[in-house]
Amino acid sequence: MAFNKYIRNAGDLVTSHEQTRTGFLKIALEKNRLGDPYIKNSLAFKSMVSGATCPEALLSMPEVRPFLLSASGLSDKSLNYLDESDQTKAIEELIKNFLKPAGKHFIDETIYRYLLIKGDAVGGSMRNRIGALGQERLIRCILSCMAVQNISYQWAENISGKFPWYDQTDNDLDIERRMKALCWQTAAGKKRLLAFNMNISTVRKNVDICLFDSDAVGFRNGKIAFEPDKALMMGELKGGIDPAGADEHWKTANTALERIRTTFASAGHPVQTSFVGAAIETAMAEEIYSQLQAGIMTNAANLTNDNQLVAYCNWLLNL
């Protein structure tokens, strides 16, 4: 069987209840990590205004004005469109409508309002982080497979659209959070470049996993995305663990993979395709397995299954 040896039938791809539970717990921990700074901010605010005897006194404390603006419901972006008087009016409305009715508990009420607003910000950040967590898990598995096989590599960091390259170091802690691309040499002596989240010109869409026949120099700050003849494999990665969204994520990924195969074939350079997903339900597992058997898709893995993911990563390293 050409594809993942740990996928013997469609059922092997399905995410188990235990894997789903573990995924939700990891997301909960990440959400707490993202929210922790706001808790610390609130504690600092409470200490700084401990001497205030009434809500109006907060207006005469410029050092806590940014905190009050957030508690008023104003986002950082909105402040670019409001002058000082507008901002002060928002704080005055907060005091009038919420802090004064809270009586002696006005400081706690301010903190509750602040955390309510920042909670929405955490929710937005988490939507981005869920996808990033999946990519980080994949990268960490690739690096682990490299370490076991003693494969040396170079990696590119994503710094505001710039991609400096670094040689492998003994301490690679957390580089999966910053990595844009990875380069190594196969056992057959071929240079391979793996990049993430690239807008591929042939497809005219963003592709999650992009493997090229190239060295680090060929990356050229991402311009390799305009060289379809260098592409070897394009893959979709869905890191969300919620079963309710699994089918929709697969439909999106499947459509993207079909577009990749069609456009690259039309360009005279067919590529292999793959799918890695965290939430895989029975119906989509059957579709994925059917495509694997038919050779439509080359490989796949359940992101929550260590054996499948290791096999997938080793396959990537040897393409």
Protein backbone atom coordinates (compact mmCIF):
# COMPACT_ATOMS: atom_id res chain seq x y z
CA MET A 1 0.00 0.00 0.00
CA ALA A 2 1.60 3.26 -1.17
CA PHE A 3 0.05 5.58 1.41
CA ASN A 4 0.25 5.68 5.22
CA LYS A 5 0.88 2.16 6.61
CA TYR A 6 -1.19 2.96 9.70
CA ILE A 7 -4.30 3.54 7.57
CA ARG A 8 -5.62 0.06 6.78
CA ASN A 9 -9.25 1.10 6.43
CA ALA A 10 -11.43 4.20 6.66
CA GLY A 11 -12.06 3.62 10.37
CA ASP A 12 -8.37 4.14 11.15
CA LEU A 13 -8.75 7.77 10.07
CA VAL A 14 -11.66 8.58 12.38
CA THR A 15 -10.88 10.75 15.39
CA SER A 16 -11.77 8.90 18.59
CA HIS A 17 -13.70 10.34 21.51
CA GLU A 18 -10.50 10.31 23.60
CA GLN A 19 -8.58 12.22 20.94
CA THR A 20 -11.38 14.77 20.65
CA ARG A 21 -11.43 15.23 24.43
CA THR A 22 -7.65 15.67 24.54
CA GLY A 23 -7.84 18.22 21.73
CA PHE A 24 -10.46 20.29 23.52
CA LEU A 25 -8.39 20.23 26.72
CA LYS A 26 -5.34 21.49 24.83
CA ILE A 27 -7.40 24.32 23.37
CA ALA A 28 -8.71 25.18 26.85
CA LEU A 29 -5.14 25.37 28.16
CA GLU A 30 -4.11 27.57 25.24
CA LYS A 31 -7.10 29.84 25.84
CA ASN A 32 -6.08 30.21 29.47
CA ARG A 33 -2.51 31.00 28.38
CA LEU A 34 -3.74 33.73 26.03
CA GLY A 35 -6.09 35.16 28.65
CA ASP A 36 -3.57 35.17 31.50
CA PRO A 37 -2.03 38.59 30.66
CA TYR A 38 -5.47 40.21 30.96
CA ILE A 39 -5.91 38.70 34.42
CA LYS A 40 -2.52 40.09 35.42
CA ASN A 41 -3.49 43.50 33.98
CA SER A 42 -6.64 43.48 36.09
CA LEU A 43 -4.72 42.70 39.27
CA ALA A 44 -2.32 45.55 38.51
CA PHE A 45 -5.25 47.92 37.90
CA LYS A 46 -6.91 46.94 41.17
CA SER A 47 -3.72 47.67 43.07
CA MET A 48 -3.17 51.01 41.32
CA VAL A 49 -6.69 52.34 42.04
CA SER A 50 -7.08 50.91 45.53
CA GLY A 51 -7.19 54.42 47.01
CA ALA A 52 -10.06 55.62 44.80
CA THR A 53 -13.19 56.33 46.83
CA CYS A 54 -15.63 56.85 43.95
CA PRO A 55 -15.86 56.08 40.22
CA GLU A 56 -15.29 59.72 39.23
CA ALA A 57 -11.88 59.59 40.89
CA LEU A 58 -10.72 57.25 38.14
CA LEU A 59 -10.93 60.11 35.64
CA SER A 60 -8.14 61.93 37.44
CA MET A 61 -5.78 58.97 37.19
CA PRO A 62 -4.20 59.16 33.69
CA GLU A 63 -2.07 56.10 34.32
CA VAL A 64 -5.13 53.82 34.21
CA ARG A 65 -6.88 55.57 31.32
CA PRO A 66 -6.02 52.84 28.74
CA PHE A 67 -7.56 50.21 31.04
CA LEU A 68 -10.71 52.32 31.44
CA LEU A 69 -10.99 52.79 27.69
CA SER A 70 -10.96 49.03 27.22
CA ALA A 71 -13.52 48.59 29.98
CA SER A 72 -15.67 51.16 28.14
CA GLY A 73 -15.83 48.81 25.17
CA LEU A 74 -13.42 50.64 22.89
CA SER A 75 -11.04 48.51 20.83
CA ASP A 76 -7.49 49.56 20.01
CA LYS A 77 -8.56 50.10 16.40
CA SER A 78 -11.46 52.36 17.37
CA LEU A 79 -9.12 54.69 19.27
CA ASN A 80 -7.60 55.75 15.93
CA TYR A 81 -10.93 57.36 15.04
CA LEU A 82 -11.72 59.03 18.37
CA ASP A 83 -10.16 62.17 19.82
CA GLU A 84 -9.47 62.73 23.53
CA SER A 85 -12.90 64.20 24.21
CA ASP A 86 -14.63 61.26 22.52
CA GLN A 87 -12.59 58.83 24.59
CA THR A 88 -13.34 60.72 27.81
CA LYS A 89 -17.05 60.67 26.99
CA ALA A 90 -16.90 56.88 26.63
CA ILE A 91 -15.34 56.59 30.10
CA GLU A 92 -17.94 58.97 31.54
CA GLU A 93 -20.71 56.79 30.06
CA LEU A 94 -19.09 53.74 31.66
CA ILE A 95 -19.05 55.49 35.02
CA LYS A 96 -22.63 56.74 34.73
CA ASN A 97 -24.26 53.55 33.47
CA PHE A 98 -22.27 50.82 35.18
CA LEU A 99 -19.76 51.91 37.80
CA LYS A 100 -21.94 54.23 39.87
CA PRO A 101 -24.80 51.71 40.08
CA ALA A 102 -22.26 49.17 41.38
CA GLY A 103 -21.74 51.33 44.48
CA LYS A 104 -18.68 50.42 46.56
CA HIS A 105 -17.90 47.57 44.17
CA PHE A 106 -17.13 49.94 41.27
CA ILE A 107 -13.51 48.76 40.97
CA ASP A 108 -14.57 45.15 40.59
CA GLU A 109 -17.24 46.23 38.10
CA THR A 110 -14.56 47.99 36.03
CA ILE A 111 -12.49 44.83 36.02
CA TYR A 112 -15.47 42.71 34.97
CA ARG A 113 -16.15 45.08 32.06
CA TYR A 114 -12.50 45.00 31.01
CA LEU A 115 -12.34 41.20 31.08
CA LEU A 116 -15.62 40.95 29.17
CA ILE A 117 -14.19 43.07 26.34
CA LYS A 118 -10.82 41.31 26.35
CA GLY A 119 -12.55 37.93 26.39
CA ASP A 120 -13.81 38.71 22.90
CA ALA A 121 -10.22 39.48 21.87
CA VAL A 122 -9.09 36.12 23.26
CA GLY A 123 -11.83 34.42 21.23
CA GLY A 124 -10.56 36.05 18.05
CA SER A 125 -6.98 35.10 18.84
CA MET A 126 -8.02 31.52 19.54
CA ARG A 127 -9.61 31.17 16.11
CA ASN A 128 -6.20 31.96 14.64
CA ARG A 129 -4.32 29.86 17.20
CA ILE A 130 -6.32 26.69 16.54
CA GLY A 131 -4.99 26.57 13.00
CA ALA A 132 -1.51 27.50 14.19
CA LEU A 133 -1.56 24.74 16.83
CA GLY A 134 -2.14 22.16 14.12
CA GLN A 135 0.76 23.47 12.06
CA GLU A 136 3.01 23.58 15.12
CA ARG A 137 2.18 19.95 15.94
CA LEU A 138 3.04 18.91 12.38
CA ILE A 139 6.33 20.85 12.41
CA ARG A 140 7.34 19.43 15.78
CA CYS A 141 6.70 15.91 14.51
CA ILE A 142 8.81 16.57 11.40
CA LEU A 143 11.66 17.88 13.56
CA SER A 144 11.40 14.84 15.83
CA CYS A 145 11.61 12.49 12.85
CA MET A 146 14.65 14.43 11.65
CA ALA A 147 16.30 14.13 15.05
CA VAL A 148 15.77 10.36 15.18
CA GLN A 149 17.32 9.98 11.72
CA ASN A 150 20.04 12.58 12.36
CA ILE A 151 18.91 14.68 9.39
CA SER A 152 20.38 18.18 9.51
CA TYR A 153 18.31 21.12 8.35
CA GLN A 154 18.04 24.87 7.90
CA TRP A 155 14.93 26.82 8.79
CA ALA A 156 13.43 30.19 7.90
CA GLU A 157 11.76 32.42 10.46
CA ASN A 158 8.75 34.57 9.65
CA ILE A 159 9.48 38.11 10.86
CA SER A 160 6.99 40.61 9.46
CA GLY A 161 7.28 39.33 5.92
CA LYS A 162 11.03 38.78 6.09
CA PHE A 163 12.42 35.26 6.21
CA PRO A 164 15.96 35.00 7.58
CA TRP A 165 17.49 31.51 7.42
CA TYR A 166 19.26 29.79 10.30
CA ASP A 167 21.33 26.66 10.59
CA GLN A 168 20.10 23.87 12.84
CA THR A 169 20.86 24.37 16.53
CA ASP A 170 20.89 21.94 19.45
CA ASN A 171 18.17 23.94 21.16
CA ASP A 172 15.16 24.15 18.83
CA LEU A 173 12.65 24.97 21.58
CA ASP A 174 9.54 26.70 20.23
CA ILE A 175 10.89 27.22 16.70
CA GLU A 176 7.69 25.61 15.42
CA ARG A 177 5.91 28.81 16.49
CA ARG A 178 8.15 30.93 14.26
CA MET A 179 8.96 28.67 11.33
CA LYS A 180 7.96 29.55 7.78
CA ALA A 181 10.08 27.03 5.88
CA LEU A 182 12.40 24.08 6.37
CA CYS A 183 15.18 22.75 4.13
CA TRP A 184 17.08 19.44 4.21
CA GLN A 185 18.79 16.86 2.02
CA THR A 186 17.18 13.46 1.40
CA ALA A 187 19.00 10.15 1.69
CA ALA A 188 19.18 10.19 -2.12
CA GLY A 189 21.06 13.51 -1.97
CA LYS A 190 18.19 15.71 -3.18
CA LYS A 191 17.45 19.11 -1.64
CA ARG A 192 13.93 19.60 -0.34
CA LEU A 193 12.17 22.74 0.82
CA LEU A 194 8.98 22.57 2.90
CA ALA A 195 7.06 25.83 3.36
CA PHE A 196 3.81 26.65 5.12
CA ASN A 197 0.87 28.89 4.21
CA MET A 198 1.99 30.10 0.81
CA ASN A 199 -0.08 31.80 -1.86
CA ILE A 200 0.74 29.54 -4.80
CA SER A 201 0.50 31.38 -8.12
CA THR A 202 -0.70 28.35 -10.08
CA VAL A 203 -3.62 27.84 -7.72
CA ARG A 204 -4.11 31.53 -6.86
CA LYS A 205 -4.98 30.43 -3.35
CA ASN A 206 -3.22 29.87 -0.07
CA VAL A 207 -1.89 26.33 0.42
CA ASP A 208 -1.07 25.01 3.89
CA ILE A 209 1.75 22.53 3.17
CA CYS A 210 4.06 23.09 0.18
CA LEU A 211 6.98 20.83 -0.72
CA PHE A 212 9.45 21.97 -3.38
CA ASP A 213 12.47 20.57 -5.16
CA SER A 214 14.79 23.34 -3.97
CA ASP A 215 17.39 24.43 -1.45
CA ALA A 216 17.11 27.34 0.99
CA VAL A 217 18.48 29.83 -1.55
CA GLY A 218 15.67 28.93 -3.94
CA PHE A 219 13.06 30.07 -1.42
CA ARG A 220 13.86 33.70 -2.31
CA ASN A 221 11.64 35.23 0.36
CA GLY A 222 8.67 33.20 -0.82
CA LYS A 223 9.06 33.84 -4.56
CA ILE A 224 9.33 30.09 -5.10
CA ALA A 225 5.52 30.16 -4.96
CA PHE A 226 5.70 31.49 -8.55
CA GLU A 227 7.69 28.49 -9.81
CA PRO A 228 5.23 25.64 -10.39
CA ASP A 229 7.92 23.42 -11.90
CA LYS A 230 9.62 23.27 -8.47
CA ALA A 231 6.50 21.99 -6.68
CA LEU A 232 6.41 18.32 -5.63
CA MET A 233 3.51 18.08 -3.17
CA MET A 234 0.73 20.37 -1.96
CA GLY A 235 -1.27 19.57 1.16
CA GLU A 236 -4.16 20.86 3.23
CA LEU A 237 -4.02 20.99 7.03
CA LYS A 238 -7.09 21.38 9.27
CA GLY A 239 -6.23 21.66 12.96
CA GLY A 240 -9.72 22.26 14.38
CA ILE A 241 -10.84 19.50 16.75
CA ASP A 242 -14.58 20.27 16.93
CA PRO A 243 -16.50 17.37 15.28
CA ALA A 244 -19.34 19.76 14.40
CA GLY A 245 -17.12 21.57 11.89
CA ALA A 246 -15.26 18.54 10.56
CA ASP A 247 -17.33 17.91 7.42
CA GLU A 248 -17.27 21.57 6.42
CA HIS A 249 -13.50 21.73 6.88
CA TRP A 250 -13.08 18.62 4.74
CA LYS A 251 -15.30 20.05 1.99
CA THR A 252 -13.15 23.18 1.94
CA ALA A 253 -9.92 21.17 1.93
CA ASN A 254 -11.18 18.72 -0.70
CA THR A 255 -12.19 21.56 -3.00
CA ALA A 256 -8.76 23.13 -2.55
CA LEU A 257 -6.99 19.84 -3.29
CA GLU A 258 -9.07 19.31 -6.43
CA ARG A 259 -8.16 22.82 -7.57
CA ILE A 260 -4.47 22.12 -6.90
CA ARG A 261 -4.49 18.91 -8.93
CA THR A 262 -6.41 20.49 -11.81
CA THR A 263 -4.42 23.70 -12.09
CA PHE A 264 -1.01 22.04 -11.79
CA ALA A 265 -1.99 19.38 -14.35
CA SER A 266 -3.15 22.13 -16.70
CA ALA A 267 0.20 23.83 -16.24
CA GLY A 268 1.90 20.62 -17.34
CA HIS A 269 3.33 19.86 -13.92
CA PRO A 270 1.17 17.42 -11.91
CA VAL A 271 1.85 17.32 -8.16
CA GLN A 272 1.08 14.93 -5.35
CA THR A 273 -1.50 15.99 -2.76
CA SER A 274 -2.19 15.15 0.88
CA PHE A 275 -4.52 15.93 3.75
CA VAL A 276 -3.88 16.15 7.50
CA GLY A 277 -6.81 16.80 9.82
CA ALA A 278 -7.53 16.71 13.54
CA ALA A 279 -11.31 16.20 13.40
CA ILE A 280 -12.15 13.38 11.00
CA GLU A 281 -15.65 11.92 11.13
CA THR A 282 -16.81 8.64 9.60
CA ALA A 283 -18.29 9.99 6.34
CA MET A 284 -15.25 12.11 5.50
CA ALA A 285 -12.91 9.28 6.52
CA GLU A 286 -14.58 7.08 3.91
CA GLU A 287 -14.11 9.77 1.25
CA ILE A 288 -10.46 10.27 2.18
CA TYR A 289 -9.75 6.53 2.19
CA SER A 290 -11.48 6.11 -1.16
CA GLN A 291 -9.29 8.82 -2.68
CA LEU A 292 -6.17 7.22 -1.22
CA GLN A 293 -7.09 3.83 -2.66
CA ALA A 294 -7.82 5.35 -6.07
CA GLY A 295 -4.55 7.27 -6.06
CA ILE A 296 -6.37 10.60 -6.34
CA MET A 297 -4.73 11.78 -3.12
CA THR A 298 -1.27 10.47 -2.29
CA ASN A 299 -1.23 10.47 1.50
CA ALA A 300 -3.19 11.49 4.60
CA ALA A 301 -3.01 11.39 8.37
CA ASN A 302 -5.10 12.10 11.42
CA LEU A 303 -3.27 14.87 13.27
CA THR A 304 -4.23 13.36 16.63
CA ASN A 305 -2.83 9.91 15.76
CA ASP A 306 0.91 9.80 16.57
CA ASN A 307 1.66 6.76 14.40
CA GLN A 308 -0.11 8.16 11.34
CA LEU A 309 1.52 11.55 11.79
CA VAL A 310 5.03 10.09 12.15
CA ALA A 311 4.51 7.96 9.04
CA TYR A 312 3.27 11.03 7.15
CA CYS A 313 6.27 13.11 8.23
CA ASN A 314 8.75 10.40 7.24
CA TRP A 315 7.02 10.20 3.87
CA LEU A 316 7.50 13.96 3.44
CA LEU A 317 11.17 13.69 4.37
CA ASN A 318 11.79 11.08 1.71
CA LEU A 319 9.80 12.45 -1.24
